[in-house]
Amino acid sequence: FPVTIITANTTAVAGTNYYLNAAAIKLTLPASPSVGDEVGISEVAGNFNCSIGRNSSNIMGLASDLSLDRAYIAFKLTYVDSTLGWVFS
């Protein structure tokens, strides 16, 4: 996946790794995902207050945004279906 370092709110593109390099960034997931779409996320600035916006799709089956409350966390989200939505992979 290509690497994109972000320092402000951004809407993700499937197939990209995002490195969150500032406080309080909101990375919004793609609006119309397809099964198998993936987005890589890594918090690289030591912040505890970034978030992942669900953009109308569930995240792990929940209709809420994902708060990143751990510095230096890294993970990948994969879109699996309309019920579960984006899941950790």
Protein backbone atom coordinates (compact mmCIF):
# COMPACT_ATOMS: atom_id res chain seq x y z
CA PHE A 1 0.00 0.00 0.00
CA PRO A 2 1.15 3.56 -0.60
CA VAL A 3 2.10 5.56 2.49
CA THR A 4 0.37 8.85 3.31
CA ILE A 5 1.41 10.95 6.31
CA ILE A 6 -1.44 13.19 7.49
CA THR A 7 -1.45 16.15 9.86
CA ALA A 8 -5.09 17.21 9.40
CA ASN A 9 -8.51 15.59 9.01
CA THR A 10 -8.57 13.39 5.90
CA THR A 11 -10.91 11.06 4.04
CA ALA A 12 -9.24 7.72 3.41
CA VAL A 13 -8.82 5.99 0.08
CA ALA A 14 -8.93 2.18 0.14
CA GLY A 15 -5.55 0.52 -0.33
CA THR A 16 -3.58 3.21 1.51
CA ASN A 17 -1.61 3.24 4.78
CA TYR A 18 -2.24 6.41 6.81
CA TYR A 19 0.25 7.67 9.37
CA LEU A 20 -1.45 10.10 11.78
CA ASN A 21 1.19 12.66 12.72
CA ALA A 22 -0.69 15.26 14.80
CA ALA A 23 -3.16 15.52 17.66
CA ALA A 24 -6.94 15.19 17.26
CA ILE A 25 -6.89 13.98 13.64
CA LYS A 26 -10.05 12.37 12.27
CA LEU A 27 -9.46 9.89 9.46
CA THR A 28 -12.80 9.24 7.75
CA LEU A 29 -13.22 5.86 6.06
CA PRO A 30 -14.24 5.66 2.36
CA ALA A 31 -17.93 6.42 1.69
CA SER A 32 -18.81 3.49 -0.60
CA PRO A 33 -16.51 0.61 0.33
CA SER A 34 -16.40 -2.70 -1.52
CA VAL A 35 -15.90 -6.07 0.16
CA GLY A 36 -12.17 -6.57 0.65
CA ASP A 37 -11.22 -2.87 0.74
CA GLU A 38 -8.46 -2.22 3.28
CA VAL A 39 -7.10 0.85 5.05
CA GLY A 40 -3.93 0.81 7.17
CA ILE A 41 -3.71 3.14 10.18
CA SER A 42 -0.77 4.02 12.38
CA GLU A 43 -0.66 6.75 15.04
CA VAL A 44 2.96 7.96 14.97
CA ALA A 45 2.94 11.15 17.06
CA GLY A 46 2.18 9.76 20.53
CA ASN A 47 -1.36 11.15 20.70
CA PHE A 48 -4.36 9.68 22.51
CA ASN A 49 -7.15 11.69 20.86
CA CYS A 50 -7.38 10.74 17.17
CA SER A 51 -10.42 9.03 15.67
CA ILE A 52 -11.65 7.00 12.73
CA GLY A 53 -14.91 8.23 11.18
CA ARG A 54 -17.20 5.44 9.99
CA ASN A 55 -18.73 7.43 7.09
CA SER A 56 -22.10 5.59 7.31
CA SER A 57 -20.56 2.09 7.49
CA ASN A 58 -20.32 0.14 10.73
CA ILE A 59 -17.00 -0.50 12.44
CA MET A 60 -16.92 -3.95 14.06
CA GLY A 61 -20.72 -4.06 13.78
CA LEU A 62 -21.22 -0.77 15.65
CA ALA A 63 -22.71 2.41 14.22
CA SER A 64 -20.17 4.69 15.89
CA ASP A 65 -16.80 6.23 15.16
CA LEU A 66 -13.67 4.60 16.54
CA SER A 67 -11.69 6.56 19.16
CA LEU A 68 -7.96 5.92 19.25
CA ASP A 69 -7.03 6.13 22.90
CA ARG A 70 -3.61 4.52 22.62
CA ALA A 71 -0.48 6.24 21.33
CA TYR A 72 1.53 4.51 18.60
CA ILE A 73 -1.23 2.04 17.77
CA ALA A 74 -1.10 0.42 14.32
CA PHE A 75 -3.73 -1.75 12.66
CA LYS A 76 -5.57 -2.46 9.43
CA LEU A 77 -9.31 -2.28 8.76
CA THR A 78 -10.97 -4.46 6.11
CA TYR A 79 -14.51 -3.96 4.84
CA VAL A 80 -16.38 -7.29 5.02
CA ASP A 81 -20.12 -6.57 4.63
CA SER A 82 -22.87 -4.11 5.48
CA THR A 83 -23.57 -5.68 8.90
CA LEU A 84 -20.06 -5.84 10.36
CA GLY A 85 -18.71 -3.11 8.11
CA TRP A 86 -15.02 -2.43 8.73
CA VAL A 87 -13.25 -4.99 10.94
CA PHE A 88 -9.77 -5.31 12.39
CA SER A 89 -7.56 -7.55 10.31
